[in-house]
Each structure stands twice: as C-alpha cells, then as structure tokens.
N, C-alpha and C. Protein backbone atom coordinates (compact mmCIF):
# COMPACT_ATOMS: atom_id res chain seq x y z
N MET A 1 11.85 181.98 106.14
CA MET A 1 10.76 182.84 106.42
C MET A 1 11.67 183.98 107.18
N ALA A 2 11.26 185.34 106.79
CA ALA A 2 11.96 186.47 107.47
C ALA A 2 11.27 186.79 108.77
N ASN A 3 11.97 187.12 109.60
CA ASN A 3 11.54 187.35 111.13
C ASN A 3 11.69 188.94 111.11
N HIS A 4 10.51 189.71 111.20
CA HIS A 4 10.52 191.05 111.24
C HIS A 4 10.32 191.36 112.70
N SER A 5 11.00 192.61 113.12
CA SER A 5 10.75 193.07 114.30
C SER A 5 9.51 193.97 114.36
N THR A 6 9.16 194.29 115.67
CA THR A 6 8.05 195.20 115.86
C THR A 6 8.27 196.51 115.04
N HIS A 7 9.41 197.01 115.09
CA HIS A 7 9.82 198.36 114.52
C HIS A 7 9.34 198.32 113.03
N GLU A 8 9.66 197.36 112.30
CA GLU A 8 9.41 197.17 110.86
C GLU A 8 7.91 196.97 110.63
N LYS A 9 7.09 196.43 111.40
CA LYS A 9 5.78 196.22 111.24
C LYS A 9 4.92 197.41 111.50
N SER A 10 5.30 198.20 112.47
CA SER A 10 4.45 199.39 112.82
C SER A 10 5.26 200.56 112.59
N THR A 11 4.50 201.74 112.60
CA THR A 11 5.14 203.09 112.07
C THR A 11 5.29 203.88 113.33
N TRP A 12 5.10 203.39 114.48
CA TRP A 12 5.42 204.18 115.69
C TRP A 12 6.33 203.34 116.68
N HIS A 13 7.10 204.18 117.41
CA HIS A 13 7.86 203.59 118.49
C HIS A 13 7.30 203.52 119.82
N PRO A 14 7.36 202.50 120.65
CA PRO A 14 6.67 202.35 121.80
C PRO A 14 6.89 203.48 122.83
N MET A 15 8.22 204.04 122.92
CA MET A 15 8.60 205.08 123.61
C MET A 15 7.78 206.42 123.25
N ALA A 16 7.36 206.45 122.03
CA ALA A 16 6.60 207.74 121.51
C ALA A 16 5.25 207.81 122.35
N MET A 17 4.73 206.53 122.58
CA MET A 17 3.46 206.46 123.27
C MET A 17 3.65 207.03 124.78
N VAL A 18 4.76 206.37 125.42
CA VAL A 18 5.18 206.88 126.70
C VAL A 18 5.30 208.63 126.73
N ALA A 19 5.96 208.96 125.65
CA ALA A 19 6.12 210.49 125.78
C ALA A 19 4.72 211.21 125.58
N PHE A 20 3.82 210.67 124.73
CA PHE A 20 2.49 211.09 124.57
C PHE A 20 1.74 211.23 125.77
N VAL A 21 1.80 210.15 126.57
CA VAL A 21 1.00 209.99 127.73
C VAL A 21 1.70 211.09 128.89
N THR A 22 3.02 211.28 128.95
CA THR A 22 3.59 212.08 129.84
C THR A 22 3.17 213.58 129.36
N LEU A 23 3.14 213.85 128.12
CA LEU A 23 2.65 215.24 127.50
C LEU A 23 1.31 215.41 127.89
N MET A 24 0.52 214.59 127.85
CA MET A 24 -0.95 214.79 128.36
C MET A 24 -1.01 214.94 129.74
N ALA A 25 -0.39 214.21 130.68
CA ALA A 25 -0.40 214.29 132.06
C ALA A 25 0.21 215.61 132.56
N GLY A 26 1.38 215.97 131.82
CA GLY A 26 1.95 217.35 132.02
C GLY A 26 1.06 218.49 131.70
N GLY A 27 0.34 218.24 130.75
CA GLY A 27 -0.64 219.38 130.40
C GLY A 27 -1.82 219.48 131.45
N CYS A 28 -2.29 218.32 131.87
CA CYS A 28 -3.22 218.53 132.90
C CYS A 28 -2.78 218.94 134.25
N PHE A 29 -1.58 218.62 134.63
CA PHE A 29 -1.10 219.20 135.78
C PHE A 29 -0.62 220.55 135.79
N SER A 30 -0.21 221.30 134.55
CA SER A 30 0.05 222.49 134.34
C SER A 30 -1.39 223.28 134.40
N ALA A 31 -2.51 222.75 133.92
CA ALA A 31 -3.82 223.34 134.04
C ALA A 31 -4.22 223.36 135.48
N LEU A 32 -3.91 222.47 136.23
CA LEU A 32 -4.18 222.42 137.73
C LEU A 32 -3.20 223.24 138.46
N TRP A 33 -2.16 223.50 137.94
CA TRP A 33 -1.20 224.48 138.65
C TRP A 33 -1.70 225.91 138.47
N LEU A 34 -2.19 226.22 137.27
CA LEU A 34 -2.76 227.45 136.93
C LEU A 34 -3.98 227.63 137.83
N TYR A 35 -4.80 226.64 137.90
CA TYR A 35 -6.06 226.85 138.78
C TYR A 35 -5.75 227.11 140.20
N THR A 36 -4.80 226.39 140.75
CA THR A 36 -4.46 226.71 142.07
C THR A 36 -3.56 227.97 142.34
N LEU A 37 -3.14 228.50 141.20
CA LEU A 37 -2.44 229.80 141.41
C LEU A 37 -3.39 230.95 141.66
N ALA A 38 -4.70 230.76 141.36
CA ALA A 38 -5.71 231.83 141.69
C ALA A 38 -5.96 231.71 143.17
N GLN A 39 -5.70 230.66 143.90
CA GLN A 39 -6.20 230.38 145.27
C GLN A 39 -4.78 230.24 146.02
N LEU A 40 -3.77 231.40 145.74
CA LEU A 40 -2.52 231.06 146.29
C LEU A 40 -2.25 231.06 147.81
N PRO A 41 -2.99 232.07 148.52
CA PRO A 41 -2.52 231.92 150.02
C PRO A 41 -2.87 230.61 150.69
N GLU A 42 -3.97 230.05 150.31
CA GLU A 42 -4.42 228.82 150.86
C GLU A 42 -3.84 227.51 150.37
N GLY A 43 -3.69 227.56 149.04
CA GLY A 43 -3.23 226.31 148.29
C GLY A 43 -1.78 226.40 147.84
N LYS A 44 -0.97 226.84 148.62
CA LYS A 44 0.45 227.03 148.21
C LYS A 44 1.24 225.62 148.24
N PRO A 45 1.00 224.79 149.04
CA PRO A 45 1.78 223.39 148.94
C PRO A 45 1.20 222.58 147.63
N LEU A 46 -0.20 222.70 147.48
CA LEU A 46 -0.77 222.05 146.29
C LEU A 46 -0.30 222.66 144.96
N ASN A 47 -0.13 224.13 145.02
CA ASN A 47 0.34 224.75 143.81
C ASN A 47 1.77 224.36 143.60
N ILE A 48 2.50 224.28 144.49
CA ILE A 48 4.02 223.99 144.31
C ILE A 48 4.06 222.47 143.85
N THR A 49 3.27 221.42 144.37
CA THR A 49 3.38 220.10 144.02
C THR A 49 2.84 220.14 142.42
N TYR A 50 1.79 220.69 142.04
CA TYR A 50 1.28 220.61 140.69
C TYR A 50 2.31 221.25 139.70
N GLY A 51 2.93 222.33 140.08
CA GLY A 51 3.98 222.93 139.22
C GLY A 51 5.12 222.02 139.05
N LEU A 52 5.61 221.40 140.11
CA LEU A 52 6.71 220.57 139.97
C LEU A 52 6.41 219.34 139.26
N LEU A 53 5.21 218.72 139.28
CA LEU A 53 4.80 217.60 138.59
C LEU A 53 4.72 217.93 137.11
N ALA A 54 4.09 219.07 136.74
CA ALA A 54 3.94 219.52 135.44
C ALA A 54 5.30 219.72 134.70
N LEU A 55 6.29 220.30 135.59
CA LEU A 55 7.65 220.55 134.98
C LEU A 55 8.18 219.30 134.79
N ALA A 56 8.21 218.44 135.85
CA ALA A 56 8.92 217.16 135.50
C ALA A 56 8.36 216.25 134.46
N LEU A 57 7.00 216.28 134.30
CA LEU A 57 6.41 215.44 133.25
C LEU A 57 6.80 216.06 131.74
N LEU A 58 6.81 217.32 131.73
CA LEU A 58 7.01 217.98 130.44
C LEU A 58 8.56 217.85 130.10
N THR A 59 9.47 217.88 131.07
CA THR A 59 10.89 217.61 130.81
C THR A 59 10.99 216.23 130.46
N ILE A 60 10.51 215.02 130.98
CA ILE A 60 10.57 213.90 130.60
C ILE A 60 10.07 213.72 129.03
N THR A 61 9.05 214.31 128.74
CA THR A 61 8.50 214.36 127.29
C THR A 61 9.50 214.81 126.33
N VAL A 62 10.22 216.01 126.65
CA VAL A 62 11.15 216.57 125.83
C VAL A 62 12.43 215.57 125.72
N ALA A 63 12.77 214.91 126.89
CA ALA A 63 13.93 214.10 126.92
C ALA A 63 13.63 212.90 125.99
N VAL A 64 12.40 212.24 126.12
CA VAL A 64 12.01 211.11 125.32
C VAL A 64 12.13 211.41 123.87
N TYR A 65 11.50 212.58 123.48
CA TYR A 65 11.47 212.92 121.97
C TYR A 65 12.80 213.30 121.49
N THR A 66 13.78 213.85 122.28
CA THR A 66 15.09 214.11 121.81
C THR A 66 15.87 212.90 121.72
N ARG A 67 15.59 211.95 122.52
CA ARG A 67 16.36 210.69 122.45
C ARG A 67 15.85 209.88 121.24
N LEU A 68 14.56 209.93 121.07
CA LEU A 68 14.11 209.22 119.89
C LEU A 68 14.59 209.84 118.59
N THR A 69 14.54 211.15 118.54
CA THR A 69 15.02 211.89 117.37
C THR A 69 16.49 211.58 116.97
N ARG A 70 17.23 211.45 117.88
CA ARG A 70 18.72 211.02 117.77
C ARG A 70 18.86 209.74 117.36
N SER A 71 18.02 208.85 117.96
CA SER A 71 18.29 207.24 117.68
C SER A 71 17.66 206.84 116.29
N LEU A 72 16.52 207.64 115.97
CA LEU A 72 15.89 207.26 114.65
C LEU A 72 16.45 208.03 113.51
N HIS A 73 17.17 209.18 113.70
CA HIS A 73 17.68 210.16 112.83
C HIS A 73 16.62 210.81 112.06
N HIS A 74 15.57 210.90 112.65
CA HIS A 74 14.36 211.80 112.03
C HIS A 74 13.36 211.96 113.23
N SER A 75 12.44 212.84 112.97
CA SER A 75 11.36 213.13 114.13
C SER A 75 10.57 211.93 114.32
N PRO A 76 10.34 211.60 115.64
CA PRO A 76 9.44 210.48 115.97
C PRO A 76 7.97 210.84 115.63
N MET A 77 7.73 212.05 115.50
CA MET A 77 6.37 212.41 115.21
C MET A 77 6.13 212.55 113.67
N LEU A 78 7.04 212.59 112.92
CA LEU A 78 6.68 212.85 111.62
C LEU A 78 7.39 211.56 110.67
N PRO A 79 6.89 211.03 109.73
CA PRO A 79 7.42 210.12 108.96
C PRO A 79 8.78 210.44 108.23
N ASP A 80 9.50 209.46 107.99
CA ASP A 80 10.81 209.65 107.30
C ASP A 80 10.53 209.42 105.72
N HIS A 81 10.63 210.48 104.96
CA HIS A 81 10.47 210.23 103.46
C HIS A 81 11.61 210.28 102.67
N SER A 82 12.66 209.49 103.20
CA SER A 82 13.88 209.25 102.37
C SER A 82 13.63 208.22 101.34
N GLU A 83 14.56 208.08 100.39
CA GLU A 83 14.47 207.02 99.37
C GLU A 83 14.65 205.76 99.97
N ARG A 84 15.57 205.62 100.93
CA ARG A 84 15.56 204.26 101.59
C ARG A 84 14.34 203.80 102.40
N GLU A 85 13.68 204.76 102.89
CA GLU A 85 12.50 204.39 103.65
C GLU A 85 11.43 204.08 102.71
N ILE A 86 11.42 204.67 101.63
CA ILE A 86 10.31 204.44 100.60
C ILE A 86 10.61 203.07 99.99
N ARG A 87 11.77 202.59 99.73
CA ARG A 87 12.18 201.33 99.10
C ARG A 87 11.81 200.30 100.21
N HIS A 88 12.16 200.69 101.50
CA HIS A 88 11.73 199.49 102.55
C HIS A 88 10.29 199.36 102.64
N TYR A 89 9.39 200.52 102.53
CA TYR A 89 8.08 200.20 102.48
C TYR A 89 7.54 199.49 101.30
N ARG A 90 8.01 199.86 100.16
CA ARG A 90 7.66 199.12 99.04
C ARG A 90 8.01 197.59 98.97
N GLU A 91 9.17 197.18 99.79
CA GLU A 91 9.52 195.89 99.74
C GLU A 91 8.44 195.12 100.81
N LEU A 92 8.01 195.79 101.85
CA LEU A 92 7.21 195.22 102.97
C LEU A 92 5.61 195.16 102.38
N PHE A 93 5.30 196.22 101.75
CA PHE A 93 3.93 196.29 101.21
C PHE A 93 3.88 196.46 99.68
N PRO A 94 4.07 195.44 98.97
CA PRO A 94 4.02 195.64 97.49
C PRO A 94 2.48 195.74 97.04
N HIS A 95 2.40 196.51 96.10
CA HIS A 95 0.98 196.72 95.59
C HIS A 95 0.90 196.29 94.18
C-alpha cells in the first residue's frame, strides 16, 4: 500500500495559507495606516506602528511566496501544467 504525503493529496502548500493570512493582515494594517495618516499630528505613534506592521507583514508575504516559488519550481498560486504533473495527476486520479 502506497503511503502518500500531504503534498500529493492536496493542491496547496501549508505555507501558502500562512502567506495568504499575512497578506490579508498586511492589507488591513496598511488601510489603518492610511486612516491614521489623515490624523497625523495626534496619531503619530499609532501611524508609525501601523505602517511598520503593514510593511513587515507584506515583506513576510513576499518572502514566503518567493521561497515557495523556488522550492516548487513554479508559482505557488498557479498550478503547474507540465507533462510530468499531468501524468502524476492521472496516476492519482484515474477516470
């Protein structure tokens, strides 16, 4: 009986979910940063905090997606349509 790993059974990598969550959180913090930018004299420390959090989270997202692209040899957000991947899919899911 063959023992399949999680990567073979599913089409997504667990780190792609981490990158997606950090992307969403970075977008929220960048919106908060823009909102506090309008209230600059009073909200300067909060503005700096939101800006740094947004920058950090978006940088983490880029780093994770870059690492996944290099390790998977294709984009983690788009499927791989090579002949090898098609053969592998047909072996796993014969119709």
